[in-house]
Amino acid sequence: MEGSGCLTTYSQVHNGRLRKYYKITEEGIRRLGEFAGDWPQLKRIYCYILGEDAL
């Protein structure tokens, strides 16, 4: 996701251990909104395949 510009990362030492931190970008927020809009249709497809009722 970093390569597609959806998030940025940085590393920092905390209590002697290297930790990696992530931050969503404007592009990431936009893409997440697109996915959220597509989710109801995807869920119906998954439920159909699995033979479950869509909620």
C-alpha atoms as a PDB file:
ATOM      1  CA  MET A   1       0.000   0.000   0.000  1.00  0.00           C
ATOM      2  CA  GLU A   2       2.931   2.280   0.555  1.00  0.00           C
ATOM      3  CA  GLY A   3       4.006   1.796  -3.049  1.00  0.00           C
ATOM      4  CA  SER A   4       0.587   2.865  -4.306  1.00  0.00           C
ATOM      5  CA  GLY A   5       0.677   6.050  -2.234  1.00  0.00           C
ATOM      6  CA  CYS A   6      -2.079   4.999   0.163  1.00  0.00           C
ATOM      7  CA  LEU A   7       0.079   5.297   3.251  1.00  0.00           C
ATOM      8  CA  THR A   8       3.418   6.490   4.504  1.00  0.00           C
ATOM      9  CA  THR A   9       5.681   4.814   7.023  1.00  0.00           C
ATOM     10  CA  TYR A  10       8.522   5.734   9.299  1.00  0.00           C
ATOM     11  CA  SER A  11      10.590   3.828  11.844  1.00  0.00           C
ATOM     12  CA  GLN A  12      11.562   4.980  15.308  1.00  0.00           C
ATOM     13  CA  VAL A  13      13.299   3.367  18.250  1.00  0.00           C
ATOM     14  CA  HIS A  14      11.052   2.994  21.308  1.00  0.00           C
ATOM     15  CA  ASN A  15      12.311   1.331  24.511  1.00  0.00           C
ATOM     16  CA  GLY A  16      15.273  -0.078  22.603  1.00  0.00           C
ATOM     17  CA  ARG A  17      13.155  -1.654  19.864  1.00  0.00           C
ATOM     18  CA  LEU A  18      12.638  -0.435  16.333  1.00  0.00           C
ATOM     19  CA  ARG A  19       8.966   0.206  15.623  1.00  0.00           C
ATOM     20  CA  LYS A  20       7.323   0.991  12.322  1.00  0.00           C
ATOM     21  CA  TYR A  21       4.517   3.541  12.194  1.00  0.00           C
ATOM     22  CA  TYR A  22       1.942   3.992   9.446  1.00  0.00           C
ATOM     23  CA  LYS A  23      -0.103   7.010   8.380  1.00  0.00           C
ATOM     24  CA  ILE A  24      -2.907   6.983   5.828  1.00  0.00           C
ATOM     25  CA  THR A  25      -2.603   9.539   3.030  1.00  0.00           C
ATOM     26  CA  GLU A  26      -5.327  11.474   1.215  1.00  0.00           C
ATOM     27  CA  GLU A  27      -5.082   8.894  -1.584  1.00  0.00           C
ATOM     28  CA  GLY A  28      -5.530   6.129   0.987  1.00  0.00           C
ATOM     29  CA  ILE A  29      -8.626   7.819   2.383  1.00  0.00           C
ATOM     30  CA  ARG A  30     -10.025   8.185  -1.125  1.00  0.00           C
ATOM     31  CA  ARG A  31      -9.367   4.520  -1.972  1.00  0.00           C
ATOM     32  CA  LEU A  32     -10.865   3.390   1.332  1.00  0.00           C
ATOM     33  CA  GLY A  33     -14.015   5.362   0.499  1.00  0.00           C
ATOM     34  CA  GLU A  34     -14.223   3.620  -2.877  1.00  0.00           C
ATOM     35  CA  PHE A  35     -13.906   0.224  -1.214  1.00  0.00           C
ATOM     36  CA  ALA A  36     -16.567   1.103   1.361  1.00  0.00           C
ATOM     37  CA  GLY A  37     -18.910   2.035  -1.482  1.00  0.00           C
ATOM     38  CA  ASP A  38     -18.274  -1.292  -3.216  1.00  0.00           C
ATOM     39  CA  TRP A  39     -18.578  -3.372  -0.043  1.00  0.00           C
ATOM     40  CA  PRO A  40     -22.374  -4.035  -0.064  1.00  0.00           C
ATOM     41  CA  GLN A  41     -22.188  -5.554  -3.551  1.00  0.00           C
ATOM     42  CA  LEU A  42     -19.075  -7.587  -2.676  1.00  0.00           C
ATOM     43  CA  LYS A  43     -20.767  -8.858   0.462  1.00  0.00           C
ATOM     44  CA  ARG A  44     -23.809 -10.012  -1.518  1.00  0.00           C
ATOM     45  CA  ILE A  45     -21.508 -11.926  -3.881  1.00  0.00           C
ATOM     46  CA  TYR A  46     -19.615 -13.573  -1.002  1.00  0.00           C
ATOM     47  CA  CYS A  47     -22.844 -14.537   0.725  1.00  0.00           C
ATOM     48  CA  TYR A  48     -24.252 -15.985  -2.506  1.00  0.00           C
ATOM     49  CA  ILE A  49     -21.106 -18.065  -3.053  1.00  0.00           C
ATOM     50  CA  LEU A  50     -21.135 -19.288   0.550  1.00  0.00           C
ATOM     51  CA  GLY A  51     -24.894 -19.907   0.512  1.00  0.00           C
ATOM     52  CA  GLU A  52     -25.538 -17.486   3.359  1.00  0.00           C
ATOM     53  CA  ASP A  53     -28.158 -14.780   3.671  1.00  0.00           C
ATOM     54  CA  ALA A  54     -26.807 -11.254   3.131  1.00  0.00           C
ATOM     55  CA  LEU A  55     -27.197  -9.086   6.203  1.00  0.00           C
END
